[in-house]
Amino acid sequence: MDLATAAQYRSSFLFSATA
């Protein structure tokens, strides 16, 4: 997995969990 993709996925996950 690419680092950029992993970072984007993590950001999306955190955003969804926080929302």
PDB file of N, CA and C in Angstrom:
ATOM      1  N   MET A   1       0.855  -1.208   0.000  1.00  0.00           N
ATOM      2  CA  MET A   1       0.000   0.000   0.000  1.00  0.00           C
ATOM      3  C   MET A   1       0.885   1.249   0.000  1.00  0.00           C
ATOM      4  N   ASP A   2       0.470   2.229  -0.786  1.00  0.00           N
ATOM      5  CA  ASP A   2       1.253   3.464  -0.862  1.00  0.00           C
ATOM      6  C   ASP A   2       1.047   4.307   0.398  1.00  0.00           C
ATOM      7  N   LEU A   3       2.085   5.019   0.780  1.00  0.00           N
ATOM      8  CA  LEU A   3       1.994   5.857   1.988  1.00  0.00           C
ATOM      9  C   LEU A   3       0.914   6.914   1.832  1.00  0.00           C
ATOM     10  N   ALA A   4       0.856   7.531   0.669  1.00  0.00           N
ATOM     11  CA  ALA A   4      -0.139   8.580   0.430  1.00  0.00           C
ATOM     12  C   ALA A   4      -1.547   8.006   0.556  1.00  0.00           C
ATOM     13  N   THR A   5      -1.738   6.813  -0.004  1.00  0.00           N
ATOM     14  CA  THR A   5      -3.054   6.179   0.063  1.00  0.00           C
ATOM     15  C   THR A   5      -3.407   5.832   1.505  1.00  0.00           C
ATOM     16  N   ALA A   6      -2.425   5.339   2.246  1.00  0.00           N
ATOM     17  CA  ALA A   6      -2.653   4.969   3.638  1.00  0.00           C
ATOM     18  C   ALA A   6      -3.022   6.201   4.457  1.00  0.00           C
ATOM     19  N   ALA A   7      -2.338   7.297   4.209  1.00  0.00           N
ATOM     20  CA  ALA A   7      -2.608   8.533   4.942  1.00  0.00           C
ATOM     21  C   ALA A   7      -4.015   9.036   4.628  1.00  0.00           C
ATOM     22  N   GLN A   8      -4.393   8.954   3.351  1.00  0.00           N
ATOM     23  CA  GLN A   8      -5.724   9.426   2.957  1.00  0.00           C
ATOM     24  C   GLN A   8      -6.803   8.553   3.584  1.00  0.00           C
ATOM     25  N   TYR A   9      -6.570   7.229   3.588  1.00  0.00           N
ATOM     26  CA  TYR A   9      -7.528   6.299   4.163  1.00  0.00           C
ATOM     27  C   TYR A   9      -7.678   6.546   5.662  1.00  0.00           C
ATOM     28  N   ARG A  10      -6.547   6.776   6.318  1.00  0.00           N
ATOM     29  CA  ARG A  10      -6.580   7.022   7.757  1.00  0.00           C
ATOM     30  C   ARG A  10      -7.328   8.321   8.058  1.00  0.00           C
ATOM     31  N   SER A  11      -7.080   9.347   7.250  1.00  0.00           N
ATOM     32  CA  SER A  11      -7.742  10.633   7.450  1.00  0.00           C
ATOM     33  C   SER A  11      -9.252  10.477   7.292  1.00  0.00           C
ATOM     34  N   SER A  12      -9.661   9.718   6.269  1.00  0.00           N
ATOM     35  CA  SER A  12     -11.085   9.510   6.022  1.00  0.00           C
ATOM     36  C   SER A  12     -11.710   8.743   7.181  1.00  0.00           C
ATOM     37  N   PHE A  13     -10.980   7.736   7.695  1.00  0.00           N
ATOM     38  CA  PHE A  13     -11.490   6.929   8.792  1.00  0.00           C
ATOM     39  C   PHE A  13     -11.656   7.784  10.049  1.00  0.00           C
ATOM     40  N   LEU A  14     -10.649   8.586  10.363  1.00  0.00           N
ATOM     41  CA  LEU A  14     -10.712   9.440  11.548  1.00  0.00           C
ATOM     42  C   LEU A  14     -11.835  10.459  11.410  1.00  0.00           C
ATOM     43  N   PHE A  15     -12.010  10.996  10.198  1.00  0.00           N
ATOM     44  CA  PHE A  15     -13.058  11.991   9.964  1.00  0.00           C
ATOM     45  C   PHE A  15     -14.433  11.364  10.178  1.00  0.00           C
ATOM     46  N   SER A  16     -14.593  10.134   9.670  1.00  0.00           N
ATOM     47  CA  SER A  16     -15.874   9.447   9.816  1.00  0.00           C
ATOM     48  C   SER A  16     -16.130   9.105  11.281  1.00  0.00           C
ATOM     49  N   ALA A  17     -15.093   8.691  11.987  1.00  0.00           N
ATOM     50  CA  ALA A  17     -15.244   8.311  13.387  1.00  0.00           C
ATOM     51  C   ALA A  17     -15.556   9.533  14.248  1.00  0.00           C
ATOM     52  N   THR A  18     -14.974  10.678  13.880  1.00  0.00           N
ATOM     53  CA  THR A  18     -15.187  11.903  14.652  1.00  0.00           C
ATOM     54  C   THR A  18     -16.556  12.510  14.367  1.00  0.00           C
ATOM     55  N   ALA A  19     -17.001  12.426  13.126  1.00  0.00           N
ATOM     56  CA  ALA A  19     -18.263  13.042  12.727  1.00  0.00           C
ATOM     57  C   ALA A  19     -19.442  12.434  13.481  1.00  0.00           C
TER      58      ALA A  19
END
